[in-house]
Amino acid sequence: MAGDAEKLQRPGLAAIDEILGKPFKVLDDGFVRVVDYMGTDSSIVQAARVSYGSGTKKVHEDRGLIRYLMRHRHSTPFEMCEIKLHVRVPMDCWRQWIRHRTANINEYSTRYSIAIDAAQTTLPGEWRLQSAGNRQGSSGNLSKSDGRSFSEREKELQDLARLVYEERLEAGIAREQARKDLPLATYTEAYWKIDLHNLLHFLALRMDSHAQYEIRRFSEVIGQEIVRKWVPHTWEAFLDYRVNANVLFGGEIEIIKAIMNQDPEAAKAVAVRYGWLPEDDSQPLKRHRERLECEEKLSALNIPIPWADRIPGDK
């Protein structure tokens, strides 16, 4: 009967309660902090076992179940946990952030309020160079001596943009129009509420080494300073099965089997079949993303690359 149901206690955890409202600094003037949360590791376990009661309460078995759920990508139990963050982030970084359309968001509005008087600045040694092989990425940095003038010009530009913005406001120009020339480096703030499953997906993408540095820094802080303390068993499983894992697809498994059978020619034949290598050995080896990813995995496993003699600069 409904009247006989036990009274439930709100799940909580001292480690996350201790950091509620505490801002963790990111970049030069950004931060992220926990406003509220719902659920813990135990909530994930409870959701997974709802069909057959509470079951065992042993910690090691709860940990094992969470690892099983993560390993086999059972996402629903992780959706039972939610967290609300207050973030202060540069607008260009925020543009990438809100591409993840699986959260509830309320952002600081410069139509109603005066824009935050802060913009991300770049130190002379922090100017990144465009990657030659990745159109949306960077590789290496400009020297400090060369970057100094860019940092100086950045400050001039940001100061001028702010001055013009404030002149417009003083003249009575509407805030929604006065803001239009503010730089994308201007900081904005937002409340961002998301369930744990989608948060982990966000972190898996944005903590990756290929992600832009600024959003990667926010993601690393969210992961290490917040999620690790909030759901420690889930964080451990996430690192083991997502962040520090490698997924092999069919062709890669075939290649590894051929290598283990000491048949490099068979491994090359698989690569030719997938279009990674030209059939004619005399033809130059062209850049191929799938082949490069396979080579990275083989190197990580300390497995020799069968076509290494054909890789430019690797002879």
Protein backbone atom coordinates (compact mmCIF):
# COMPACT_ATOMS: atom_id res chain seq x y z
CA MET A 1 0.00 0.00 0.00
CA ALA A 2 1.12 3.56 -0.66
CA GLY A 3 0.93 4.44 3.04
CA ASP A 4 3.44 1.69 3.85
CA ALA A 5 6.16 3.01 1.55
CA GLU A 6 9.35 3.93 3.35
CA LYS A 7 10.29 7.57 3.71
CA LEU A 8 13.13 8.39 1.34
CA GLN A 9 16.16 10.44 2.21
CA ARG A 10 17.70 12.79 -0.34
CA PRO A 11 21.03 11.27 -1.46
CA GLY A 12 23.96 13.46 -0.55
CA LEU A 13 27.72 13.30 -0.35
CA ALA A 14 30.02 15.31 1.89
CA ALA A 15 32.71 15.69 -0.77
CA ILE A 16 30.37 17.52 -3.15
CA ASP A 17 28.50 19.39 -0.40
CA GLU A 18 31.80 20.91 0.72
CA ILE A 19 32.37 22.58 -2.65
CA LEU A 20 28.83 23.91 -3.24
CA GLY A 21 29.18 27.50 -4.39
CA LYS A 22 32.99 27.38 -4.42
CA PRO A 23 34.35 28.92 -7.65
CA PHE A 24 37.14 27.05 -9.39
CA LYS A 25 39.24 29.47 -11.42
CA VAL A 26 39.63 28.77 -15.15
CA LEU A 27 41.72 30.81 -17.62
CA ASP A 28 42.46 34.38 -16.53
CA ASP A 29 39.02 35.46 -15.28
CA GLY A 30 36.67 32.50 -15.72
CA PHE A 31 35.28 30.08 -13.17
CA VAL A 32 32.93 27.16 -12.68
CA ARG A 33 31.06 26.24 -9.52
CA VAL A 34 28.34 23.88 -8.36
CA VAL A 35 24.98 25.51 -7.59
CA ASP A 36 23.05 22.30 -6.86
CA TYR A 37 23.02 18.59 -7.64
CA MET A 38 20.66 15.63 -7.54
CA GLY A 39 21.78 12.08 -6.95
CA THR A 40 25.07 10.30 -6.34
CA ASP A 41 26.65 6.98 -7.36
CA SER A 42 24.02 5.28 -5.19
CA SER A 43 21.24 6.84 -7.30
CA ILE A 44 22.68 5.19 -10.41
CA VAL A 45 22.76 1.83 -8.66
CA GLN A 46 19.22 2.33 -7.35
CA ALA A 47 17.92 3.11 -10.84
CA ALA A 48 19.65 0.08 -12.35
CA ARG A 49 18.17 -2.24 -9.71
CA VAL A 50 14.69 -0.78 -9.57
CA SER A 51 13.18 -3.75 -11.40
CA TYR A 52 14.15 -6.19 -8.67
CA GLY A 53 14.41 -4.16 -5.49
CA SER A 54 17.34 -2.65 -3.65
CA GLY A 55 19.46 -5.82 -3.65
CA THR A 56 22.88 -5.74 -2.06
CA LYS A 57 24.24 -2.58 -0.52
CA LYS A 58 27.90 -3.63 -0.53
CA VAL A 59 30.10 -0.85 -1.83
CA HIS A 60 32.28 -3.10 -3.98
CA GLU A 61 29.21 -4.56 -5.68
CA ASP A 62 27.81 -1.07 -6.32
CA ARG A 63 31.13 -0.13 -7.90
CA GLY A 64 31.06 -3.29 -10.02
CA LEU A 65 27.56 -2.54 -11.27
CA ILE A 66 28.48 1.03 -12.23
CA ARG A 67 31.51 -0.26 -14.10
CA TYR A 68 29.32 -2.81 -15.89
CA LEU A 69 26.83 -0.10 -16.90
CA MET A 70 29.61 2.15 -18.20
CA ARG A 71 31.39 -0.68 -19.99
CA HIS A 72 28.26 -1.75 -21.83
CA ARG A 73 27.03 1.82 -22.42
CA HIS A 74 23.78 1.53 -20.45
CA SER A 75 23.05 5.24 -20.28
CA THR A 76 19.65 5.54 -18.61
CA PRO A 77 20.78 4.97 -14.98
CA PHE A 78 23.31 7.80 -15.33
CA GLU A 79 20.51 10.14 -16.38
CA MET A 80 19.11 9.85 -12.85
CA CYS A 81 21.83 12.24 -11.63
CA GLU A 82 21.82 15.94 -12.49
CA ILE A 83 24.03 18.89 -11.67
CA LYS A 84 23.63 22.65 -12.03
CA LEU A 85 26.75 24.71 -12.63
CA HIS A 86 27.37 28.43 -12.66
CA VAL A 87 30.03 29.21 -15.26
CA ARG A 88 31.90 32.33 -16.34
CA VAL A 89 33.34 31.76 -19.79
CA PRO A 90 34.53 33.77 -22.84
CA MET A 91 31.83 34.13 -25.47
CA ASP A 92 33.77 32.34 -28.23
CA CYS A 93 34.28 29.36 -25.92
CA TRP A 94 30.62 29.53 -24.90
CA ARG A 95 29.60 29.19 -28.55
CA GLN A 96 31.23 25.75 -28.62
CA TRP A 97 29.79 24.89 -25.22
CA ILE A 98 26.14 25.41 -26.15
CA ARG A 99 26.46 23.23 -29.24
CA HIS A 100 25.75 20.47 -26.71
CA ARG A 101 21.98 20.81 -26.80
CA THR A 102 21.28 18.37 -23.97
CA ALA A 103 21.29 20.84 -21.08
CA ASN A 104 19.02 23.50 -19.58
CA ILE A 105 20.62 26.93 -19.92
CA ASN A 106 19.97 30.42 -18.66
CA GLU A 107 22.61 32.93 -19.78
CA TYR A 108 23.45 36.44 -18.63
CA SER A 109 21.65 38.80 -21.03
CA THR A 110 23.38 41.88 -22.40
CA ARG A 111 19.98 43.07 -23.68
CA TYR A 112 18.88 43.65 -20.08
CA SER A 113 22.19 44.11 -18.26
CA ILE A 114 25.46 45.87 -18.98
CA ALA A 115 28.03 43.49 -20.44
CA ILE A 116 30.57 42.04 -18.01
CA ASP A 117 33.61 44.29 -17.94
CA ALA A 118 36.14 41.52 -18.52
CA ALA A 119 37.64 39.88 -21.59
CA GLN A 120 39.99 36.96 -21.90
CA THR A 121 43.57 38.09 -22.45
CA THR A 122 46.45 36.24 -24.06
CA LEU A 123 50.00 36.23 -22.72
CA PRO A 124 52.82 36.68 -25.26
CA GLY A 125 53.74 32.98 -25.17
CA GLU A 126 50.14 31.76 -25.51
CA TRP A 127 49.49 32.63 -29.16
CA ARG A 128 48.86 29.33 -30.93
CA LEU A 129 49.78 28.60 -34.55
CA GLN A 130 47.36 27.12 -37.07
CA SER A 131 47.78 23.37 -37.54
CA ALA A 132 48.90 22.36 -41.02
CA GLY A 133 46.95 19.10 -40.88
CA ASN A 134 43.83 20.16 -38.99
CA ARG A 135 41.79 23.08 -40.33
CA GLN A 136 40.04 23.68 -37.02
CA GLY A 137 42.99 23.08 -34.72
CA SER A 138 46.29 24.55 -33.59
CA SER A 139 49.80 23.23 -33.29
CA GLY A 140 52.66 24.87 -31.42
CA ASN A 141 53.01 28.45 -30.22
CA LEU A 142 54.44 31.70 -31.43
CA SER A 143 57.58 32.74 -29.56
CA LYS A 144 57.13 35.13 -26.62
CA SER A 145 59.06 37.84 -28.39
CA ASP A 146 56.87 37.61 -31.49
CA GLY A 147 53.70 37.26 -29.43
CA ARG A 148 54.32 40.35 -27.33
CA SER A 149 53.09 42.75 -30.01
CA PHE A 150 49.91 40.69 -30.51
CA SER A 151 49.19 40.81 -26.77
CA GLU A 152 49.69 44.57 -26.77
CA ARG A 153 47.39 45.01 -29.78
CA GLU A 154 44.83 42.75 -28.13
CA LYS A 155 44.71 45.02 -25.09
CA GLU A 156 44.35 48.11 -27.30
CA LEU A 157 41.49 46.49 -29.21
CA GLN A 158 39.65 45.32 -26.09
CA ASP A 159 40.05 48.68 -24.34
CA LEU A 160 38.78 50.55 -27.41
CA ALA A 161 35.81 48.22 -27.85
CA ARG A 162 34.83 48.68 -24.20
CA LEU A 163 35.23 52.45 -24.44
CA VAL A 164 33.00 52.65 -27.53
CA TYR A 165 30.44 50.38 -25.86
CA GLU A 166 30.27 52.59 -22.75
CA GLU A 167 30.05 55.75 -24.88
CA ARG A 168 27.01 54.31 -26.62
CA LEU A 169 25.36 53.47 -23.30
CA GLU A 170 25.99 56.98 -21.99
CA ALA A 171 24.42 58.40 -25.16
CA GLY A 172 21.28 56.38 -24.50
CA ILE A 173 21.81 53.75 -27.22
CA ALA A 174 19.82 50.58 -26.49
CA ARG A 175 21.87 47.90 -24.77
CA GLU A 176 20.87 45.34 -27.37
CA GLN A 177 22.55 47.45 -30.07
CA ALA A 178 25.38 49.00 -28.08
CA ARG A 179 26.85 45.53 -27.47
CA LYS A 180 27.23 44.53 -31.11
CA ASP A 181 30.94 45.36 -31.44
CA LEU A 182 32.12 43.79 -28.20
CA PRO A 183 34.86 41.19 -28.85
CA LEU A 184 34.13 37.47 -28.58
CA ALA A 185 36.71 37.39 -25.79
CA THR A 186 34.17 39.16 -23.53
CA TYR A 187 33.14 36.98 -20.60
CA THR A 188 29.57 35.83 -20.16
CA GLU A 189 27.94 33.88 -17.33
CA ALA A 190 25.31 31.17 -17.34
CA TYR A 191 23.58 28.52 -15.29
CA TRP A 192 24.03 25.14 -16.97
CA LYS A 193 22.01 22.13 -15.74
CA ILE A 194 22.66 18.73 -17.25
CA ASP A 195 22.23 15.05 -16.41
CA LEU A 196 25.30 12.92 -15.75
CA HIS A 197 25.07 10.84 -18.92
CA ASN A 198 25.15 13.89 -21.15
CA LEU A 199 27.75 15.60 -18.97
CA LEU A 200 30.10 12.65 -19.45
CA HIS A 201 29.53 12.82 -23.20
CA PHE A 202 30.41 16.53 -23.09
CA LEU A 203 33.56 15.80 -21.09
CA ALA A 204 34.63 12.93 -23.36
CA LEU A 205 34.60 15.31 -26.33
CA ARG A 206 35.87 18.48 -24.69
CA MET A 207 38.61 16.94 -22.54
CA ASP A 208 40.09 15.32 -25.63
CA SER A 209 43.51 16.57 -26.69
CA HIS A 210 42.04 17.69 -30.03
CA ALA A 211 39.51 20.02 -28.37
CA GLN A 212 40.21 23.75 -28.26
CA TYR A 213 42.42 24.67 -25.32
CA GLU A 214 39.96 27.05 -23.62
CA ILE A 215 37.01 24.68 -23.47
CA ARG A 216 39.36 21.83 -22.62
CA ARG A 217 40.49 23.72 -19.52
CA PHE A 218 36.89 24.20 -18.36
CA SER A 219 36.15 20.52 -18.99
CA GLU A 220 39.20 19.36 -17.08
CA VAL A 221 38.22 21.47 -14.08
CA ILE A 222 34.63 20.21 -14.18
CA GLY A 223 35.87 16.63 -14.36
CA GLN A 224 38.70 16.71 -11.84
CA GLU A 225 37.32 19.18 -9.31
CA ILE A 226 33.60 18.40 -9.45
CA VAL A 227 32.55 15.11 -11.11
CA ARG A 228 35.39 13.15 -9.46
CA LYS A 229 34.12 14.22 -6.03
CA TRP A 230 30.43 13.94 -6.87
CA VAL A 231 30.34 10.42 -8.36
CA PRO A 232 33.76 8.82 -7.71
CA HIS A 233 32.86 5.30 -8.92
CA THR A 234 31.35 6.69 -12.11
CA TRP A 235 34.36 8.95 -12.69
CA GLU A 236 36.73 6.00 -12.28
CA ALA A 237 34.73 3.92 -14.77
CA PHE A 238 34.49 6.85 -17.17
CA LEU A 239 38.28 7.25 -17.22
CA ASP A 240 38.82 3.52 -17.68
CA TYR A 241 36.22 2.85 -20.36
CA ARG A 242 35.96 6.16 -22.20
CA VAL A 243 38.87 8.55 -21.68
CA ASN A 244 41.74 6.06 -21.46
CA ALA A 245 40.21 3.41 -23.71
CA ASN A 246 40.75 2.60 -27.36
CA VAL A 247 38.04 1.12 -29.56
CA LEU A 248 39.09 -1.27 -32.33
CA PHE A 249 36.87 -1.64 -35.38
CA GLY A 250 36.71 -4.66 -37.68
CA GLY A 251 39.57 -3.75 -40.02
CA GLU A 252 41.92 -2.92 -37.15
CA ILE A 253 41.17 -6.25 -35.48
CA GLU A 254 41.96 -8.04 -38.76
CA ILE A 255 45.27 -6.19 -39.02
CA ILE A 256 46.26 -7.01 -35.44
CA LYS A 257 45.38 -10.69 -35.97
CA ALA A 258 47.56 -10.77 -39.10
CA ILE A 259 50.44 -9.13 -37.22
CA MET A 260 50.11 -11.61 -34.35
CA ASN A 261 50.20 -14.42 -36.93
CA GLN A 262 53.44 -12.90 -38.24
CA ASP A 263 51.86 -12.18 -41.60
CA PRO A 264 52.54 -8.48 -42.37
CA GLU A 265 51.52 -8.92 -46.02
CA ALA A 266 48.03 -9.98 -44.94
CA ALA A 267 47.88 -6.90 -42.70
CA LYS A 268 48.85 -4.70 -45.64
CA ALA A 269 46.21 -6.35 -47.78
CA VAL A 270 43.56 -5.34 -45.24
CA ALA A 271 44.85 -1.76 -45.34
CA VAL A 272 44.70 -1.80 -49.16
CA ARG A 273 41.13 -3.12 -49.04
CA TYR A 274 40.08 -0.20 -46.87
CA GLY A 275 41.79 2.29 -49.17
CA TRP A 276 44.48 3.22 -46.63
CA LEU A 277 47.33 2.08 -48.87
CA PRO A 278 47.66 2.17 -52.67
CA GLU A 279 47.84 -1.26 -54.30
CA ASP A 280 51.07 -0.30 -56.02
CA ASP A 281 53.92 -0.06 -53.51
CA SER A 282 55.68 2.45 -55.74
CA GLN A 283 52.90 5.01 -55.32
CA PRO A 284 53.37 7.62 -52.56
CA LEU A 285 51.51 7.15 -49.31
CA LYS A 286 48.80 9.81 -49.06
CA ARG A 287 47.37 11.16 -45.82
CA HIS A 288 44.41 9.04 -44.66
CA ARG A 289 42.69 9.80 -41.36
CA GLU A 290 41.55 6.23 -40.62
CA ARG A 291 45.02 4.86 -41.31
CA LEU A 292 46.60 7.47 -39.05
CA GLU A 293 44.17 6.59 -36.26
CA CYS A 294 45.01 2.91 -36.70
CA GLU A 295 48.72 3.72 -36.57
CA GLU A 296 48.20 5.63 -33.31
CA LYS A 297 46.42 2.64 -31.77
CA LEU A 298 49.13 0.21 -32.89
CA SER A 299 51.81 2.49 -31.46
CA ALA A 300 49.92 2.79 -28.15
CA LEU A 301 49.83 -1.02 -27.94
CA ASN A 302 53.52 -1.26 -28.90
CA ILE A 303 52.57 -3.23 -32.03
CA PRO A 304 54.75 -2.69 -35.12
CA ILE A 305 53.11 -0.92 -38.07
CA PRO A 306 53.37 -3.28 -41.07
CA TRP A 307 53.76 -0.46 -43.60
CA ALA A 308 56.12 1.66 -41.47
CA ASP A 309 58.78 1.61 -44.19
CA ARG A 310 56.41 3.55 -46.45
CA ILE A 311 55.62 6.34 -43.99
CA PRO A 312 57.54 9.50 -44.96
CA GLY A 313 60.25 10.33 -42.44
CA ASP A 314 59.83 7.01 -40.65
CA LYS A 315 62.47 5.03 -42.52
